[in-house]
């Protein structure tokens, strides 16, 4: 229950907030972990990214959960450990995600939870899929995700089996009631 316990608790909370951000924004890891405090605009509820993968800037809207996570991360910065005197921590002082890449802790957490291996990038697919399940327009999904083509956006939408079954469930009923268009001779 000493200082080391408190540091571990804060570190764990930091990692949970990282997950909150990726699962509520769909940002790429490289963009997310390079965010600095001035890029976060709480008044406009957005994060402005510089160059993204496609070379364009991107404005990422923040929902309440992401905004709460960003506020916590900014209010509770952590210092990355320096590996040695020859390799000091090079993270800017105003980094929002001050602990760096999630690779090690993320894979360890998945293993301990008994979850099949996953990639951090899968959070991006989760966001695309959730927006599609909410029936958001493709153009909106493209803008939020920073995609420049419909094909790219569609590649991030994965429908669950129950959604596919629901899509065809009413076809027979619709045909019997005559509400489906009849083929032209």
N, C-alpha and C. Protein backbone atom coordinates (compact mmCIF):
# COMPACT_ATOMS: atom_id res chain seq x y z
N UNK A 1 0.81 -1.20 0.00
CA UNK A 1 0.00 0.00 0.00
C UNK A 1 0.85 1.26 0.00
N UNK A 2 2.11 1.14 -0.37
CA UNK A 2 3.01 2.29 -0.38
C UNK A 2 3.02 3.01 -1.72
N UNK A 3 4.05 3.82 -1.93
CA UNK A 3 4.15 4.62 -3.16
C UNK A 3 4.21 3.75 -4.43
N UNK A 4 4.86 2.60 -4.36
CA UNK A 4 4.95 1.75 -5.55
C UNK A 4 3.56 1.21 -5.92
N UNK A 5 2.76 0.85 -4.91
CA UNK A 5 1.40 0.38 -5.17
C UNK A 5 0.58 1.48 -5.86
N UNK A 6 0.74 2.70 -5.37
CA UNK A 6 0.01 3.84 -5.95
C UNK A 6 0.45 4.07 -7.40
N UNK A 7 1.75 3.96 -7.66
CA UNK A 7 2.25 4.13 -9.04
C UNK A 7 1.69 3.05 -9.95
N UNK A 8 1.62 1.81 -9.48
CA UNK A 8 1.08 0.72 -10.30
C UNK A 8 -0.41 0.94 -10.58
N UNK A 9 -1.15 1.40 -9.57
CA UNK A 9 -2.58 1.68 -9.76
C UNK A 9 -2.77 2.79 -10.79
N UNK A 10 -1.95 3.83 -10.70
CA UNK A 10 -2.04 4.94 -11.64
C UNK A 10 -1.68 4.47 -13.05
N UNK A 11 -0.67 3.61 -13.15
CA UNK A 11 -0.24 3.09 -14.45
C UNK A 11 -1.36 2.25 -15.08
N UNK A 12 -2.00 1.40 -14.27
CA UNK A 12 -3.11 0.59 -14.76
C UNK A 12 -4.26 1.47 -15.23
N UNK A 13 -4.60 2.48 -14.47
CA UNK A 13 -5.66 3.41 -14.85
C UNK A 13 -5.29 4.12 -16.15
N UNK A 14 -4.02 4.49 -16.28
CA UNK A 14 -3.54 5.13 -17.51
C UNK A 14 -3.81 4.21 -18.71
N UNK A 15 -3.50 2.93 -18.57
CA UNK A 15 -3.72 1.98 -19.66
C UNK A 15 -5.21 1.82 -19.97
N UNK A 16 -6.05 1.79 -18.95
CA UNK A 16 -7.49 1.69 -19.20
C UNK A 16 -8.01 2.92 -19.94
N UNK A 17 -7.47 4.08 -19.63
CA UNK A 17 -7.87 5.30 -20.34
C UNK A 17 -7.40 5.26 -21.79
N UNK A 18 -6.23 4.64 -22.05
CA UNK A 18 -5.77 4.47 -23.42
C UNK A 18 -6.78 3.64 -24.21
N UNK A 19 -7.27 2.57 -23.59
CA UNK A 19 -8.29 1.73 -24.24
C UNK A 19 -9.57 2.52 -24.49
N UNK A 20 -9.98 3.32 -23.51
CA UNK A 20 -11.17 4.16 -23.69
C UNK A 20 -11.02 5.05 -24.93
N UNK A 21 -9.85 5.62 -25.11
CA UNK A 21 -9.64 6.52 -26.24
C UNK A 21 -9.70 5.77 -27.55
N UNK A 22 -8.99 4.64 -27.67
CA UNK A 22 -8.99 3.94 -28.96
C UNK A 22 -10.39 3.39 -29.28
N UNK A 23 -11.11 2.91 -28.28
CA UNK A 23 -12.43 2.32 -28.53
C UNK A 23 -13.53 3.37 -28.72
N UNK A 24 -13.19 4.63 -28.52
CA UNK A 24 -14.16 5.70 -28.74
C UNK A 24 -13.73 6.66 -29.85
N UNK A 25 -12.59 6.36 -30.48
CA UNK A 25 -12.12 7.25 -31.55
C UNK A 25 -11.72 6.48 -32.81
N UNK A 26 -11.17 5.29 -32.64
CA UNK A 26 -10.68 4.55 -33.79
C UNK A 26 -9.38 5.09 -34.36
N UNK A 27 -8.67 5.89 -33.58
CA UNK A 27 -7.41 6.45 -34.07
C UNK A 27 -6.36 5.36 -34.27
N UNK A 28 -5.51 5.57 -35.26
CA UNK A 28 -4.36 4.69 -35.44
C UNK A 28 -3.40 4.89 -34.27
N UNK A 29 -2.70 3.82 -33.92
CA UNK A 29 -1.78 3.87 -32.78
C UNK A 29 -0.73 4.97 -32.94
N UNK A 30 -0.15 5.10 -34.14
CA UNK A 30 0.90 6.11 -34.32
C UNK A 30 0.36 7.51 -34.11
N UNK A 31 -0.86 7.78 -34.58
CA UNK A 31 -1.45 9.10 -34.36
C UNK A 31 -1.80 9.31 -32.89
N UNK A 32 -2.42 8.31 -32.31
CA UNK A 32 -2.87 8.42 -30.93
C UNK A 32 -1.72 8.68 -29.97
N UNK A 33 -0.65 7.91 -30.11
CA UNK A 33 0.45 8.01 -29.15
C UNK A 33 1.40 9.16 -29.44
N UNK A 34 1.07 9.97 -30.45
CA UNK A 34 1.87 11.17 -30.69
C UNK A 34 1.10 12.44 -30.33
N UNK A 35 -0.09 12.30 -29.78
CA UNK A 35 -0.91 13.47 -29.41
C UNK A 35 -0.24 14.23 -28.28
N UNK A 36 -0.22 15.56 -28.46
CA UNK A 36 0.30 16.44 -27.42
C UNK A 36 -0.86 17.30 -26.92
N UNK A 37 -0.75 17.77 -25.72
CA UNK A 37 -1.84 18.48 -25.04
C UNK A 37 -2.46 19.60 -25.89
N UNK A 38 -1.68 20.44 -26.59
CA UNK A 38 -2.31 21.52 -27.37
C UNK A 38 -3.23 21.03 -28.50
N UNK A 39 -3.11 19.78 -28.90
CA UNK A 39 -3.97 19.25 -29.96
C UNK A 39 -5.37 18.89 -29.46
N UNK A 40 -5.55 18.85 -28.16
CA UNK A 40 -6.83 18.47 -27.56
C UNK A 40 -7.62 19.73 -27.26
N UNK A 41 -8.81 19.84 -27.85
CA UNK A 41 -9.65 21.02 -27.68
C UNK A 41 -10.95 20.59 -26.98
N UNK A 42 -10.99 20.81 -25.68
CA UNK A 42 -12.17 20.40 -24.91
C UNK A 42 -13.38 21.29 -25.20
N UNK A 43 -13.14 22.54 -25.60
CA UNK A 43 -14.26 23.43 -25.93
C UNK A 43 -15.00 22.95 -27.19
N UNK A 44 -14.25 22.47 -28.16
CA UNK A 44 -14.84 21.98 -29.41
C UNK A 44 -15.07 20.47 -29.40
N UNK A 45 -14.63 19.80 -28.33
CA UNK A 45 -14.80 18.35 -28.18
C UNK A 45 -14.13 17.60 -29.34
N UNK A 46 -12.84 17.93 -29.57
CA UNK A 46 -12.13 17.31 -30.67
C UNK A 46 -10.63 17.27 -30.43
N UNK A 47 -9.98 16.39 -31.16
CA UNK A 47 -8.53 16.30 -31.18
C UNK A 47 -8.11 16.53 -32.62
N UNK A 48 -7.15 17.40 -32.84
CA UNK A 48 -6.69 17.68 -34.19
C UNK A 48 -5.35 16.98 -34.40
N UNK A 49 -5.35 16.07 -35.36
CA UNK A 49 -4.13 15.34 -35.69
C UNK A 49 -3.46 16.02 -36.88
N UNK A 50 -2.15 16.01 -36.89
CA UNK A 50 -1.41 16.54 -38.04
C UNK A 50 -1.53 15.57 -39.19
N UNK A 51 -0.44 15.24 -39.81
CA UNK A 51 -0.47 14.30 -40.93
C UNK A 51 -0.87 12.92 -40.44
N UNK A 52 -1.83 12.31 -41.14
CA UNK A 52 -2.22 10.94 -40.85
C UNK A 52 -1.65 10.04 -41.94
N UNK A 53 -2.02 8.79 -41.94
CA UNK A 53 -1.48 7.82 -42.90
C UNK A 53 -1.66 8.27 -44.34
N UNK A 54 -2.79 8.89 -44.64
CA UNK A 54 -3.03 9.32 -46.02
C UNK A 54 -2.43 10.70 -46.32
N UNK A 55 -1.70 11.25 -45.36
CA UNK A 55 -1.03 12.53 -45.57
C UNK A 55 -1.86 13.75 -45.23
N UNK A 56 -3.10 13.53 -44.84
CA UNK A 56 -4.00 14.64 -44.53
C UNK A 56 -4.15 14.82 -43.02
N UNK A 57 -4.45 16.04 -42.58
CA UNK A 57 -4.78 16.22 -41.16
C UNK A 57 -6.16 15.62 -40.90
N UNK A 58 -6.47 15.38 -39.64
CA UNK A 58 -7.75 14.78 -39.27
C UNK A 58 -8.23 15.40 -37.96
N UNK A 59 -9.50 15.75 -37.93
CA UNK A 59 -10.13 16.22 -36.69
C UNK A 59 -10.95 15.06 -36.15
N UNK A 60 -10.61 14.61 -34.96
CA UNK A 60 -11.27 13.46 -34.33
C UNK A 60 -12.25 13.98 -33.29
N UNK A 61 -13.54 13.72 -33.48
CA UNK A 61 -14.52 14.17 -32.48
C UNK A 61 -14.39 13.34 -31.20
N UNK A 62 -14.66 13.99 -30.07
CA UNK A 62 -14.61 13.29 -28.78
C UNK A 62 -16.02 13.12 -28.25
N UNK A 63 -16.38 11.87 -27.91
CA UNK A 63 -17.62 11.65 -27.18
C UNK A 63 -17.33 11.83 -25.69
N UNK A 64 -18.33 11.69 -24.85
CA UNK A 64 -18.14 11.94 -23.41
C UNK A 64 -17.09 11.02 -22.79
N UNK A 65 -17.11 9.74 -23.17
CA UNK A 65 -16.17 8.79 -22.57
C UNK A 65 -14.73 9.10 -22.97
N UNK A 66 -14.54 9.40 -24.25
CA UNK A 66 -13.19 9.75 -24.70
C UNK A 66 -12.72 11.04 -24.06
N UNK A 67 -13.61 12.01 -23.97
CA UNK A 67 -13.24 13.28 -23.37
C UNK A 67 -12.86 13.10 -21.90
N UNK A 68 -13.60 12.28 -21.19
CA UNK A 68 -13.26 12.01 -19.78
C UNK A 68 -11.89 11.34 -19.67
N UNK A 69 -11.61 10.41 -20.56
CA UNK A 69 -10.31 9.73 -20.56
C UNK A 69 -9.19 10.72 -20.86
N UNK A 70 -9.39 11.58 -21.84
CA UNK A 70 -8.36 12.57 -22.18
C UNK A 70 -8.14 13.54 -21.02
N UNK A 71 -9.21 13.96 -20.37
CA UNK A 71 -9.04 14.86 -19.22
C UNK A 71 -8.23 14.18 -18.12
N UNK A 72 -8.53 12.90 -17.86
CA UNK A 72 -7.78 12.17 -16.83
C UNK A 72 -6.31 12.04 -17.21
N UNK A 73 -6.04 11.68 -18.45
CA UNK A 73 -4.66 11.50 -18.91
C UNK A 73 -3.86 12.79 -18.81
N UNK A 74 -4.47 13.89 -19.16
CA UNK A 74 -3.78 15.18 -19.10
C UNK A 74 -3.56 15.60 -17.65
N UNK A 75 -4.53 15.33 -16.78
CA UNK A 75 -4.41 15.71 -15.37
C UNK A 75 -3.48 14.78 -14.59
N UNK A 76 -3.21 13.59 -15.12
CA UNK A 76 -2.39 12.60 -14.42
C UNK A 76 -1.24 12.10 -15.30
N UNK A 77 -0.35 13.00 -15.70
CA UNK A 77 0.74 12.56 -16.58
C UNK A 77 1.68 11.60 -15.85
N UNK A 78 2.26 10.72 -16.62
CA UNK A 78 3.26 9.80 -16.06
C UNK A 78 4.52 9.95 -16.89
N UNK A 79 5.64 9.72 -16.25
CA UNK A 79 6.91 9.80 -16.95
C UNK A 79 7.31 8.42 -17.42
N UNK A 80 7.73 8.35 -18.67
CA UNK A 80 8.28 7.12 -19.21
C UNK A 80 9.63 6.88 -18.56
N UNK A 81 9.91 5.64 -18.24
CA UNK A 81 11.20 5.31 -17.66
C UNK A 81 12.28 5.42 -18.72
N UNK A 82 13.44 5.96 -18.33
CA UNK A 82 14.59 5.95 -19.21
C UNK A 82 15.22 4.58 -19.12
N UNK A 83 15.56 4.00 -20.27
CA UNK A 83 16.16 2.66 -20.26
C UNK A 83 17.57 2.69 -19.71
N UNK A 84 18.28 3.75 -19.95
CA UNK A 84 19.64 3.91 -19.44
C UNK A 84 20.04 5.36 -19.64
N UNK A 85 21.19 5.72 -19.11
CA UNK A 85 21.68 7.09 -19.30
C UNK A 85 21.92 7.36 -20.78
N UNK A 86 22.29 6.32 -21.51
CA UNK A 86 22.55 6.47 -22.95
C UNK A 86 21.26 6.55 -23.76
N UNK A 87 20.16 6.03 -23.20
CA UNK A 87 18.87 6.04 -23.90
C UNK A 87 17.80 6.66 -22.99
N UNK A 88 17.86 7.98 -22.83
CA UNK A 88 16.87 8.63 -21.95
C UNK A 88 15.48 8.66 -22.58
N UNK A 89 14.49 8.90 -21.75
CA UNK A 89 13.11 9.07 -22.21
C UNK A 89 13.08 10.29 -23.13
N UNK A 90 12.58 10.10 -24.35
CA UNK A 90 12.53 11.21 -25.30
C UNK A 90 11.12 11.71 -25.54
N UNK A 91 10.17 11.29 -24.72
CA UNK A 91 8.80 11.75 -24.89
C UNK A 91 8.71 13.22 -24.52
N UNK A 92 8.03 14.02 -25.35
CA UNK A 92 7.84 15.44 -25.01
C UNK A 92 7.07 15.56 -23.69
N UNK A 93 7.35 16.60 -22.96
CA UNK A 93 6.72 16.80 -21.65
C UNK A 93 5.21 16.94 -21.76
N UNK A 94 4.70 17.39 -22.91
CA UNK A 94 3.26 17.60 -23.05
C UNK A 94 2.57 16.44 -23.79
N UNK A 95 3.19 15.26 -23.81
CA UNK A 95 2.56 14.09 -24.42
C UNK A 95 1.35 13.67 -23.60
N UNK A 96 0.24 13.40 -24.26
CA UNK A 96 -0.96 12.93 -23.55
C UNK A 96 -0.76 11.49 -23.13
N UNK A 97 -0.22 10.68 -24.02
CA UNK A 97 0.01 9.26 -23.74
C UNK A 97 1.47 9.08 -23.40
N UNK A 98 1.82 9.48 -22.20
CA UNK A 98 3.21 9.60 -21.81
C UNK A 98 3.94 8.28 -21.63
N UNK A 99 3.23 7.17 -21.57
CA UNK A 99 3.90 5.89 -21.33
C UNK A 99 4.38 5.21 -22.61
N UNK A 100 4.02 5.72 -23.75
CA UNK A 100 4.50 5.15 -25.00
C UNK A 100 3.63 4.00 -25.49
N UNK A 101 4.19 3.19 -26.37
CA UNK A 101 3.46 2.12 -27.05
C UNK A 101 2.81 1.14 -26.07
N UNK A 102 1.59 0.72 -26.39
CA UNK A 102 0.86 -0.21 -25.51
C UNK A 102 1.21 -1.68 -25.76
N UNK A 103 2.10 -1.96 -26.69
CA UNK A 103 2.31 -3.32 -27.16
C UNK A 103 2.51 -4.34 -26.04
N UNK A 104 3.44 -4.09 -25.12
CA UNK A 104 3.74 -5.09 -24.08
C UNK A 104 2.56 -5.32 -23.14
N UNK A 105 2.05 -4.25 -22.55
CA UNK A 105 0.99 -4.43 -21.56
C UNK A 105 -0.28 -4.95 -22.20
N UNK A 106 -0.56 -4.56 -23.44
CA UNK A 106 -1.79 -4.97 -24.11
C UNK A 106 -1.79 -6.48 -24.35
N UNK A 107 -0.70 -7.01 -24.88
CA UNK A 107 -0.62 -8.45 -25.12
C UNK A 107 -0.65 -9.24 -23.81
N UNK A 108 0.01 -8.72 -22.79
CA UNK A 108 0.01 -9.38 -21.48
C UNK A 108 -1.40 -9.41 -20.88
N UNK A 109 -2.12 -8.30 -21.00
CA UNK A 109 -3.48 -8.22 -20.47
C UNK A 109 -4.41 -9.19 -21.21
N UNK A 110 -4.27 -9.28 -22.53
CA UNK A 110 -5.10 -10.21 -23.30
C UNK A 110 -4.84 -11.65 -22.86
N UNK A 111 -3.58 -11.98 -22.69
CA UNK A 111 -3.22 -13.34 -22.29
C UNK A 111 -3.78 -13.66 -20.90
N UNK A 112 -3.60 -12.75 -19.96
CA UNK A 112 -4.10 -12.96 -18.60
C UNK A 112 -5.61 -13.07 -18.55
N UNK A 113 -6.30 -12.39 -19.46
CA UNK A 113 -7.76 -12.42 -19.50
C UNK A 113 -8.29 -13.61 -20.30
N UNK A 114 -7.38 -14.36 -20.92
CA UNK A 114 -7.80 -15.51 -21.72
C UNK A 114 -8.44 -15.11 -23.04
N UNK A 115 -8.09 -13.96 -23.53
CA UNK A 115 -8.64 -13.47 -24.79
C UNK A 115 -7.66 -13.81 -25.91
N UNK A 116 -8.21 -14.27 -27.04
CA UNK A 116 -7.34 -14.64 -28.15
C UNK A 116 -6.49 -13.43 -28.57
N UNK A 117 -5.33 -13.70 -29.12
CA UNK A 117 -4.46 -12.58 -29.51
C UNK A 117 -5.18 -11.58 -30.40
N UNK A 118 -4.89 -10.34 -30.16
CA UNK A 118 -5.48 -9.25 -30.92
C UNK A 118 -4.42 -8.18 -31.11
N UNK A 119 -4.72 -7.28 -32.00
CA UNK A 119 -3.82 -6.16 -32.24
C UNK A 119 -4.47 -4.88 -31.73
N UNK A 120 -3.68 -3.90 -31.38
CA UNK A 120 -4.19 -2.61 -30.96
C UNK A 120 -5.08 -2.04 -32.07
N UNK A 121 -4.68 -2.27 -33.31
CA UNK A 121 -5.40 -1.77 -34.48
C UNK A 121 -6.83 -2.32 -34.55
N UNK A 122 -7.10 -3.46 -33.89
CA UNK A 122 -8.45 -4.01 -33.89
C UNK A 122 -9.45 -3.06 -33.25
N UNK A 123 -8.98 -2.18 -32.37
CA UNK A 123 -9.86 -1.16 -31.79
C UNK A 123 -10.40 -0.24 -32.87
N UNK A 124 -9.61 0.00 -33.88
CA UNK A 124 -10.04 0.83 -35.01
C UNK A 124 -11.15 0.13 -35.78
N UNK A 125 -11.02 -1.18 -35.97
CA UNK A 125 -12.06 -1.96 -36.63
C UNK A 125 -13.34 -1.96 -35.79
N UNK A 126 -13.18 -2.03 -34.48
CA UNK A 126 -14.34 -2.01 -33.58
C UNK A 126 -15.14 -0.72 -33.76
N UNK A 127 -14.45 0.39 -33.84
CA UNK A 127 -15.14 1.68 -34.00
C UNK A 127 -15.87 1.74 -35.34
N UNK A 128 -15.23 1.31 -36.42
CA UNK A 128 -15.89 1.29 -37.74
C UNK A 128 -17.12 0.41 -37.73
N UNK A 129 -17.01 -0.75 -37.10
CA UNK A 129 -18.13 -1.69 -37.03
C UNK A 129 -19.27 -1.12 -36.20
N UNK A 130 -18.95 -0.53 -35.06
CA UNK A 130 -20.00 0.03 -34.20
C UNK A 130 -20.76 1.17 -34.89
N UNK A 131 -20.03 2.00 -35.62
CA UNK A 131 -20.72 3.09 -36.33
C UNK A 131 -21.63 2.52 -37.41
N UNK A 132 -21.19 1.49 -38.12
CA UNK A 132 -22.03 0.86 -39.15
C UNK A 132 -23.26 0.22 -38.51
N UNK A 133 -23.09 -0.42 -37.35
CA UNK A 133 -24.22 -1.04 -36.66
C UNK A 133 -25.23 0.00 -36.20
N UNK A 134 -24.76 1.22 -35.95
CA UNK A 134 -25.66 2.31 -35.59
C UNK A 134 -26.27 2.97 -36.82
N UNK A 135 -25.99 2.40 -37.98
CA UNK A 135 -26.51 2.86 -39.26
C UNK A 135 -26.05 4.29 -39.60
N UNK A 136 -24.82 4.59 -39.25
CA UNK A 136 -24.25 5.87 -39.64
C UNK A 136 -23.97 5.85 -41.14
N UNK A 137 -24.08 6.96 -41.78
CA UNK A 137 -23.82 7.05 -43.21
C UNK A 137 -22.35 6.74 -43.49
N UNK A 138 -22.09 6.12 -44.64
CA UNK A 138 -20.72 5.77 -45.01
C UNK A 138 -19.83 7.00 -45.05
N UNK A 139 -20.34 8.11 -45.57
CA UNK A 139 -19.55 9.35 -45.63
C UNK A 139 -19.14 9.80 -44.22
N UNK A 140 -20.03 9.68 -43.27
CA UNK A 140 -19.72 10.06 -41.89
C UNK A 140 -18.64 9.15 -41.32
N UNK A 141 -18.79 7.86 -41.54
CA UNK A 141 -17.78 6.90 -41.05
C UNK A 141 -16.43 7.22 -41.67
N UNK A 142 -16.41 7.51 -42.97
CA UNK A 142 -15.16 7.85 -43.65
C UNK A 142 -14.52 9.08 -43.01
N UNK A 143 -15.31 10.09 -42.73
CA UNK A 143 -14.77 11.32 -42.14
C UNK A 143 -14.21 11.09 -40.74
N UNK A 144 -14.94 10.35 -39.92
CA UNK A 144 -14.49 10.10 -38.55
C UNK A 144 -13.21 9.26 -38.55
N UNK A 145 -13.16 8.26 -39.41
CA UNK A 145 -12.02 7.35 -39.45
C UNK A 145 -10.84 7.90 -40.25
N UNK A 146 -11.08 8.93 -41.05
CA UNK A 146 -10.02 9.49 -41.85
C UNK A 146 -9.75 8.72 -43.13
N UNK A 147 -10.76 8.00 -43.61
CA UNK A 147 -10.60 7.24 -44.86
C UNK A 147 -10.91 8.15 -46.05
N UNK A 148 -10.19 7.91 -47.14
CA UNK A 148 -10.42 8.73 -48.34
C UNK A 148 -11.25 8.00 -49.38
N UNK A 149 -11.47 6.68 -49.21
CA UNK A 149 -12.28 5.93 -50.16
C UNK A 149 -13.32 5.09 -49.41
N UNK A 150 -14.46 4.85 -50.05
CA UNK A 150 -15.46 3.98 -49.43
C UNK A 150 -14.91 2.57 -49.19
N UNK A 151 -14.05 2.09 -50.08
CA UNK A 151 -13.49 0.75 -49.92
C UNK A 151 -12.70 0.64 -48.62
N UNK A 152 -11.94 1.67 -48.30
CA UNK A 152 -11.16 1.65 -47.05
C UNK A 152 -12.10 1.61 -45.85
N UNK A 153 -13.14 2.44 -45.88
CA UNK A 153 -14.08 2.48 -44.75
C UNK A 153 -14.82 1.15 -44.61
N UNK A 154 -15.22 0.56 -45.72
CA UNK A 154 -15.94 -0.72 -45.66
C UNK A 154 -15.08 -1.84 -45.10
N UNK A 155 -13.78 -1.75 -45.30
CA UNK A 155 -12.87 -2.76 -44.76
C UNK A 155 -12.79 -2.76 -43.24
N UNK A 156 -13.33 -1.72 -42.62
CA UNK A 156 -13.32 -1.62 -41.16
C UNK A 156 -14.69 -1.93 -40.55
N UNK A 157 -15.60 -2.45 -41.36
CA UNK A 157 -16.94 -2.77 -40.87
C UNK A 157 -17.16 -4.27 -40.94
N UNK A 158 -17.31 -4.89 -39.79
CA UNK A 158 -17.49 -6.33 -39.70
C UNK A 158 -18.80 -6.62 -38.99
N UNK A 159 -19.73 -7.22 -39.70
CA UNK A 159 -21.04 -7.47 -39.13
C UNK A 159 -21.07 -8.80 -38.38
N UNK A 160 -21.72 -8.80 -37.27
CA UNK A 160 -21.89 -10.01 -36.47
C UNK A 160 -22.93 -10.91 -37.14
N UNK A 161 -22.86 -12.21 -36.85
CA UNK A 161 -23.79 -13.17 -37.44
C UNK A 161 -25.25 -12.77 -37.22
N UNK A 162 -25.57 -12.29 -36.01
CA UNK A 162 -26.97 -11.95 -35.74
C UNK A 162 -27.44 -10.78 -36.60
N UNK A 163 -26.54 -9.87 -36.97
CA UNK A 163 -26.91 -8.77 -37.86
C UNK A 163 -27.18 -9.28 -39.27
N UNK A 164 -26.40 -10.23 -39.73
CA UNK A 164 -26.63 -10.79 -41.06
C UNK A 164 -27.94 -11.57 -41.08
N UNK A 165 -28.22 -12.33 -40.02
CA UNK A 165 -29.48 -13.08 -39.95
C UNK A 165 -30.66 -12.12 -39.90
N UNK A 166 -30.53 -11.05 -39.13
CA UNK A 166 -31.62 -10.07 -39.02
C UNK A 166 -31.87 -9.40 -40.38
N UNK A 167 -30.82 -9.22 -41.16
CA UNK A 167 -30.96 -8.59 -42.47
C UNK A 167 -31.83 -9.42 -43.41
N UNK A 168 -31.79 -10.74 -43.28
CA UNK A 168 -32.56 -11.59 -44.18
C UNK A 168 -33.82 -12.15 -43.52
N UNK A 169 -33.99 -11.91 -42.23
CA UNK A 169 -35.11 -12.50 -41.48
C UNK A 169 -36.47 -12.11 -42.05
N UNK A 170 -36.62 -10.89 -42.45
CA UNK A 170 -37.93 -10.43 -42.92
C UNK A 170 -38.15 -10.57 -44.41
N UNK A 171 -37.22 -11.18 -45.13
CA UNK A 171 -37.38 -11.26 -46.58
C UNK A 171 -38.58 -12.08 -47.00
N UNK A 172 -38.80 -13.24 -46.38
CA UNK A 172 -39.93 -14.09 -46.75
C UNK A 172 -41.24 -13.39 -46.44
N UNK A 173 -41.34 -12.79 -45.27
CA UNK A 173 -42.55 -12.07 -44.87
C UNK A 173 -42.83 -10.92 -45.83
N UNK A 174 -41.80 -10.19 -46.23
CA UNK A 174 -41.96 -9.07 -47.15
C UNK A 174 -42.46 -9.57 -48.51
N UNK A 175 -41.92 -10.70 -48.96
CA UNK A 175 -42.34 -11.25 -50.26
C UNK A 175 -43.80 -11.69 -50.22
N UNK A 176 -44.22 -12.32 -49.11
CA UNK A 176 -45.61 -12.79 -48.98
C UNK A 176 -46.61 -11.64 -48.90
N UNK A 177 -46.18 -10.53 -48.29
CA UNK A 177 -47.09 -9.41 -48.14
C UNK A 177 -47.11 -8.51 -49.37
N UNK A 178 -46.23 -8.81 -50.30
CA UNK A 178 -46.19 -8.04 -51.55
C UNK A 178 -45.48 -6.72 -51.42
N UNK A 179 -44.76 -6.52 -50.31
CA UNK A 179 -44.07 -5.22 -50.15
C UNK A 179 -42.73 -5.21 -50.86
N UNK A 180 -42.28 -6.33 -51.38
CA UNK A 180 -41.02 -6.34 -52.11
C UNK A 180 -41.31 -6.04 -53.58
N UNK A 181 -40.39 -5.42 -54.24
CA UNK A 181 -40.57 -5.10 -55.66
C UNK A 181 -40.59 -6.39 -56.47
N UNK A 182 -41.51 -6.49 -57.41
CA UNK A 182 -41.60 -7.66 -58.28
C UNK A 182 -40.68 -7.49 -59.45
N UNK A 183 -40.04 -8.57 -59.89
CA UNK A 183 -39.17 -8.44 -61.06
C UNK A 183 -40.00 -8.09 -62.29
N UNK A 184 -39.44 -7.28 -63.15
CA UNK A 184 -40.12 -6.87 -64.38
C UNK A 184 -39.89 -7.94 -65.46
N UNK A 185 -40.95 -8.28 -66.26
CA UNK A 185 -40.79 -9.29 -67.31
C UNK A 185 -39.94 -8.79 -68.45
